[in-house]
Amino acid sequence: MTKKGIETLVGLFVLLGLAGLVFLSLKAANLASFGNRDTYVVSARFDNIGGLKARSPVRSAGVTVGRVTSISLDPKSFPRDSSAKILTSGLLGDQYVGIEPGAEEKNLAAGDVIRQTQSAVVLENLISQFLFNRAAEGPPSAAVSPAPAAAVGGAKK
């Protein structure tokens, strides 16, 4: 074989390897569905979706049967007695504002103020409060009261 023929084969081999890597990475990330299957769309409504994102797998009995195509909020407005909280996703995750709808008939309008709010919980404050409470209790006592004789040695006859 000539040098040009060997270089061509090496180039084809490298391209085949790259195509294999792309295929494996798409399969590992569950981003590619190779195959034509009949599909249909269903909808579901949830009070809280947590960290669900578009393209998340839909599973039944541990088997991936589909994908989340879109996530949207119902087009209704929030009642005037809705409350807002500053929440954290996970233990040390990002903070976001969570709105819990109320039950009042009238809805919030542009420029209205949500009156029922809850500030963020600061993890450092919780830890220091816990430590100060433990320090105020004092060291654990090691004194043990003696057990009654009847319980230790049994009843005398």
C-alpha atoms as a PDB file:
ATOM      1  CA  MET A   1       0.000   0.000   0.000  1.00  0.00           C
ATOM      2  CA  THR A   2       1.103   3.499  -0.685  1.00  0.00           C
ATOM      3  CA  LYS A   3       1.532   6.157   1.901  1.00  0.00           C
ATOM      4  CA  LYS A   4      -1.541   8.009   0.634  1.00  0.00           C
ATOM      5  CA  GLY A   5      -3.685   4.869   0.931  1.00  0.00           C
ATOM      6  CA  ILE A   6      -2.566   4.288   4.540  1.00  0.00           C
ATOM      7  CA  GLU A   7      -3.314   7.912   5.443  1.00  0.00           C
ATOM      8  CA  THR A   8      -6.779   7.592   3.905  1.00  0.00           C
ATOM      9  CA  LEU A   9      -7.493   4.448   5.940  1.00  0.00           C
ATOM     10  CA  VAL A  10      -6.246   6.102   9.132  1.00  0.00           C
ATOM     11  CA  GLY A  11      -8.471   9.136   8.415  1.00  0.00           C
ATOM     12  CA  LEU A  12     -11.504   6.888   7.888  1.00  0.00           C
ATOM     13  CA  PHE A  13     -10.699   5.012  11.094  1.00  0.00           C
ATOM     14  CA  VAL A  14     -10.472   8.294  13.044  1.00  0.00           C
ATOM     15  CA  LEU A  15     -13.795   9.517  11.581  1.00  0.00           C
ATOM     16  CA  LEU A  16     -15.431   6.194  12.472  1.00  0.00           C
ATOM     17  CA  GLY A  17     -14.082   6.489  16.027  1.00  0.00           C
ATOM     18  CA  LEU A  18     -15.409  10.048  16.378  1.00  0.00           C
ATOM     19  CA  ALA A  19     -18.822   8.956  15.083  1.00  0.00           C
ATOM     20  CA  GLY A  20     -18.810   6.156  17.671  1.00  0.00           C
ATOM     21  CA  LEU A  21     -17.960   8.608  20.452  1.00  0.00           C
ATOM     22  CA  VAL A  22     -20.776  10.942  19.389  1.00  0.00           C
ATOM     23  CA  PHE A  23     -23.214   8.006  19.308  1.00  0.00           C
ATOM     24  CA  LEU A  24     -22.150   6.797  22.775  1.00  0.00           C
ATOM     25  CA  SER A  25     -22.301  10.271  24.319  1.00  0.00           C
ATOM     26  CA  LEU A  26     -25.810  10.866  22.944  1.00  0.00           C
ATOM     27  CA  LYS A  27     -26.975   7.484  24.210  1.00  0.00           C
ATOM     28  CA  ALA A  28     -25.369   8.036  27.634  1.00  0.00           C
ATOM     29  CA  ALA A  29     -27.072  11.424  27.977  1.00  0.00           C
ATOM     30  CA  ASN A  30     -30.382   9.991  26.709  1.00  0.00           C
ATOM     31  CA  LEU A  31     -30.562  12.737  24.109  1.00  0.00           C
ATOM     32  CA  ALA A  32     -30.917  10.623  21.015  1.00  0.00           C
ATOM     33  CA  SER A  33     -33.637   8.241  20.114  1.00  0.00           C
ATOM     34  CA  PHE A  34     -32.473   6.186  17.200  1.00  0.00           C
ATOM     35  CA  GLY A  35     -35.467   4.478  15.735  1.00  0.00           C
ATOM     36  CA  ASN A  36     -38.893   5.425  14.508  1.00  0.00           C
ATOM     37  CA  ARG A  37     -41.519   4.693  17.099  1.00  0.00           C
ATOM     38  CA  ASP A  38     -45.121   5.750  17.107  1.00  0.00           C
ATOM     39  CA  THR A  39     -45.476   8.481  19.696  1.00  0.00           C
ATOM     40  CA  TYR A  40     -48.306  10.410  21.272  1.00  0.00           C
ATOM     41  CA  VAL A  41     -48.503  13.387  23.589  1.00  0.00           C
ATOM     42  CA  VAL A  42     -50.093  13.388  27.051  1.00  0.00           C
ATOM     43  CA  SER A  43     -50.368  16.241  29.545  1.00  0.00           C
ATOM     44  CA  ALA A  44     -50.167  16.320  33.330  1.00  0.00           C
ATOM     45  CA  ARG A  45     -50.637  19.031  35.959  1.00  0.00           C
ATOM     46  CA  PHE A  46     -48.560  19.242  39.142  1.00  0.00           C
ATOM     47  CA  ASP A  47     -48.535  21.554  42.163  1.00  0.00           C
ATOM     48  CA  ASN A  48     -44.727  21.558  42.265  1.00  0.00           C
ATOM     49  CA  ILE A  49     -42.310  20.142  39.691  1.00  0.00           C
ATOM     50  CA  GLY A  50     -39.107  20.576  41.721  1.00  0.00           C
ATOM     51  CA  GLY A  51     -36.096  20.505  39.402  1.00  0.00           C
ATOM     52  CA  LEU A  52     -37.847  18.899  36.419  1.00  0.00           C
ATOM     53  CA  LYS A  53     -36.644  20.197  33.062  1.00  0.00           C
ATOM     54  CA  ALA A  54     -37.576  19.762  29.444  1.00  0.00           C
ATOM     55  CA  ARG A  55     -36.034  16.566  27.970  1.00  0.00           C
ATOM     56  CA  SER A  56     -36.203  14.808  31.376  1.00  0.00           C
ATOM     57  CA  PRO A  57     -37.058  11.120  30.978  1.00  0.00           C
ATOM     58  CA  VAL A  58     -40.540   9.762  31.612  1.00  0.00           C
ATOM     59  CA  ARG A  59     -40.257   6.301  33.157  1.00  0.00           C
ATOM     60  CA  SER A  60     -42.655   3.487  33.891  1.00  0.00           C
ATOM     61  CA  ALA A  61     -41.401   0.567  35.989  1.00  0.00           C
ATOM     62  CA  GLY A  62     -37.845   1.835  35.519  1.00  0.00           C
ATOM     63  CA  VAL A  63     -38.053   1.845  31.720  1.00  0.00           C
ATOM     64  CA  THR A  64     -37.790   5.137  29.839  1.00  0.00           C
ATOM     65  CA  VAL A  65     -41.013   5.449  27.861  1.00  0.00           C
ATOM     66  CA  GLY A  66     -40.776   9.075  26.811  1.00  0.00           C
ATOM     67  CA  ARG A  67     -39.466  12.565  27.392  1.00  0.00           C
ATOM     68  CA  VAL A  68     -40.815  15.781  28.858  1.00  0.00           C
ATOM     69  CA  THR A  69     -41.334  18.059  25.872  1.00  0.00           C
ATOM     70  CA  SER A  70     -42.312  21.304  27.579  1.00  0.00           C
ATOM     71  CA  ILE A  71     -43.063  22.838  30.958  1.00  0.00           C
ATOM     72  CA  SER A  72     -45.413  25.764  31.357  1.00  0.00           C
ATOM     73  CA  LEU A  73     -47.438  27.539  34.008  1.00  0.00           C
ATOM     74  CA  ASP A  74     -51.212  27.539  33.778  1.00  0.00           C
ATOM     75  CA  PRO A  75     -52.351  30.800  32.201  1.00  0.00           C
ATOM     76  CA  LYS A  76     -54.381  31.751  35.289  1.00  0.00           C
ATOM     77  CA  SER A  77     -53.326  34.642  37.510  1.00  0.00           C
ATOM     78  CA  PHE A  78     -52.461  34.458  41.173  1.00  0.00           C
ATOM     79  CA  PRO A  79     -55.139  35.375  43.748  1.00  0.00           C
ATOM     80  CA  ARG A  80     -54.595  38.536  45.788  1.00  0.00           C
ATOM     81  CA  ASP A  81     -53.930  36.561  48.974  1.00  0.00           C
ATOM     82  CA  SER A  82     -51.030  34.617  47.445  1.00  0.00           C
ATOM     83  CA  SER A  83     -47.814  34.361  49.446  1.00  0.00           C
ATOM     84  CA  ALA A  84     -44.183  34.581  48.353  1.00  0.00           C
ATOM     85  CA  LYS A  85     -41.198  32.838  49.945  1.00  0.00           C
ATOM     86  CA  ILE A  86     -37.498  32.888  49.254  1.00  0.00           C
ATOM     87  CA  LEU A  87     -36.567  29.215  48.923  1.00  0.00           C
ATOM     88  CA  THR A  88     -33.390  27.259  48.251  1.00  0.00           C
ATOM     89  CA  SER A  89     -33.188  24.386  45.802  1.00  0.00           C
ATOM     90  CA  GLY A  90     -31.308  21.684  47.668  1.00  0.00           C
ATOM     91  CA  LEU A  91     -29.151  22.179  50.738  1.00  0.00           C
ATOM     92  CA  LEU A  92     -26.738  24.700  49.243  1.00  0.00           C
ATOM     93  CA  GLY A  93     -28.442  25.370  45.895  1.00  0.00           C
ATOM     94  CA  ASP A  94     -29.653  28.487  44.145  1.00  0.00           C
ATOM     95  CA  GLN A  95     -32.301  30.641  45.744  1.00  0.00           C
ATOM     96  CA  TYR A  96     -35.567  31.452  44.035  1.00  0.00           C
ATOM     97  CA  VAL A  97     -38.898  33.063  44.856  1.00  0.00           C
ATOM     98  CA  GLY A  98     -41.755  30.596  45.287  1.00  0.00           C
ATOM     99  CA  ILE A  99     -45.321  31.855  44.998  1.00  0.00           C
ATOM    100  CA  GLU A 100     -48.119  29.880  46.625  1.00  0.00           C
ATOM    101  CA  PRO A 101     -51.561  30.773  45.295  1.00  0.00           C
ATOM    102  CA  GLY A 102     -54.226  31.812  47.747  1.00  0.00           C
ATOM    103  CA  ALA A 103     -57.991  31.276  47.590  1.00  0.00           C
ATOM    104  CA  GLU A 104     -59.359  34.775  47.070  1.00  0.00           C
ATOM    105  CA  GLU A 105     -61.607  35.426  44.061  1.00  0.00           C
ATOM    106  CA  LYS A 106     -59.799  38.588  42.885  1.00  0.00           C
ATOM    107  CA  ASN A 107     -56.418  38.141  41.189  1.00  0.00           C
ATOM    108  CA  LEU A 108     -53.224  40.170  41.479  1.00  0.00           C
ATOM    109  CA  ALA A 109     -52.947  42.953  38.938  1.00  0.00           C
ATOM    110  CA  ALA A 110     -49.908  44.738  37.544  1.00  0.00           C
ATOM    111  CA  GLY A 111     -48.285  46.827  40.284  1.00  0.00           C
ATOM    112  CA  ASP A 112     -49.926  44.986  43.210  1.00  0.00           C
ATOM    113  CA  VAL A 113     -47.776  44.024  46.202  1.00  0.00           C
ATOM    114  CA  ILE A 114     -47.743  40.549  47.722  1.00  0.00           C
ATOM    115  CA  ARG A 115     -48.196  41.187  51.438  1.00  0.00           C
ATOM    116  CA  GLN A 116     -47.644  37.676  52.812  1.00  0.00           C
ATOM    117  CA  THR A 117     -43.921  37.009  52.471  1.00  0.00           C
ATOM    118  CA  GLN A 118     -41.305  34.847  54.124  1.00  0.00           C
ATOM    119  CA  SER A 119     -37.624  35.799  54.050  1.00  0.00           C
ATOM    120  CA  ALA A 120     -34.798  33.430  53.233  1.00  0.00           C
ATOM    121  CA  VAL A 121     -33.524  31.007  55.846  1.00  0.00           C
ATOM    122  CA  VAL A 122     -29.813  31.623  56.301  1.00  0.00           C
ATOM    123  CA  LEU A 123     -27.984  28.348  56.915  1.00  0.00           C
ATOM    124  CA  GLU A 124     -25.223  30.011  58.951  1.00  0.00           C
ATOM    125  CA  ASN A 125     -27.782  31.491  61.362  1.00  0.00           C
ATOM    126  CA  LEU A 126     -29.408  28.092  61.871  1.00  0.00           C
ATOM    127  CA  ILE A 127     -26.057  26.444  62.603  1.00  0.00           C
ATOM    128  CA  SER A 128     -24.986  29.144  65.049  1.00  0.00           C
ATOM    129  CA  GLN A 129     -28.379  29.033  66.801  1.00  0.00           C
ATOM    130  CA  PHE A 130     -28.062  25.257  67.160  1.00  0.00           C
ATOM    131  CA  LEU A 131     -24.509  25.537  68.538  1.00  0.00           C
ATOM    132  CA  PHE A 132     -25.432  28.277  71.013  1.00  0.00           C
ATOM    133  CA  ASN A 133     -28.422  26.263  72.257  1.00  0.00           C
ATOM    134  CA  ARG A 134     -26.192  23.222  72.769  1.00  0.00           C
ATOM    135  CA  ALA A 135     -23.615  25.337  74.631  1.00  0.00           C
ATOM    136  CA  ALA A 136     -26.329  26.795  76.886  1.00  0.00           C
ATOM    137  CA  GLU A 137     -27.421  23.284  77.898  1.00  0.00           C
ATOM    138  CA  GLY A 138     -23.977  22.592  79.311  1.00  0.00           C
ATOM    139  CA  PRO A 139     -21.887  19.434  79.049  1.00  0.00           C
ATOM    140  CA  PRO A 140     -23.743  16.107  79.221  1.00  0.00           C
ATOM    141  CA  SER A 141     -23.794  14.707  82.756  1.00  0.00           C
ATOM    142  CA  ALA A 142     -21.968  11.456  83.388  1.00  0.00           C
ATOM    143  CA  ALA A 143     -23.575  10.735  86.765  1.00  0.00           C
ATOM    144  CA  VAL A 144     -25.496   7.476  86.837  1.00  0.00           C
ATOM    145  CA  SER A 145     -27.834   6.651  89.677  1.00  0.00           C
ATOM    146  CA  PRO A 146     -27.365   3.210  91.221  1.00  0.00           C
ATOM    147  CA  ALA A 147     -29.963   0.601  90.406  1.00  0.00           C
ATOM    148  CA  PRO A 148     -32.115  -0.859  93.210  1.00  0.00           C
ATOM    149  CA  ALA A 149     -30.821  -4.096  94.683  1.00  0.00           C
ATOM    150  CA  ALA A 150     -33.913  -6.079  93.756  1.00  0.00           C
ATOM    151  CA  ALA A 151     -33.521  -5.154  90.093  1.00  0.00           C
ATOM    152  CA  VAL A 152     -29.818  -6.098  90.018  1.00  0.00           C
ATOM    153  CA  GLY A 153     -29.600  -9.166  92.221  1.00  0.00           C
ATOM    154  CA  GLY A 154     -33.159 -10.376  92.214  1.00  0.00           C
ATOM    155  CA  ALA A 155     -35.466 -10.763  95.173  1.00  0.00           C
ATOM    156  CA  LYS A 156     -34.035 -12.228  98.441  1.00  0.00           C
ATOM    157  CA  LYS A 157     -35.637 -15.309  99.899  1.00  0.00           C
END
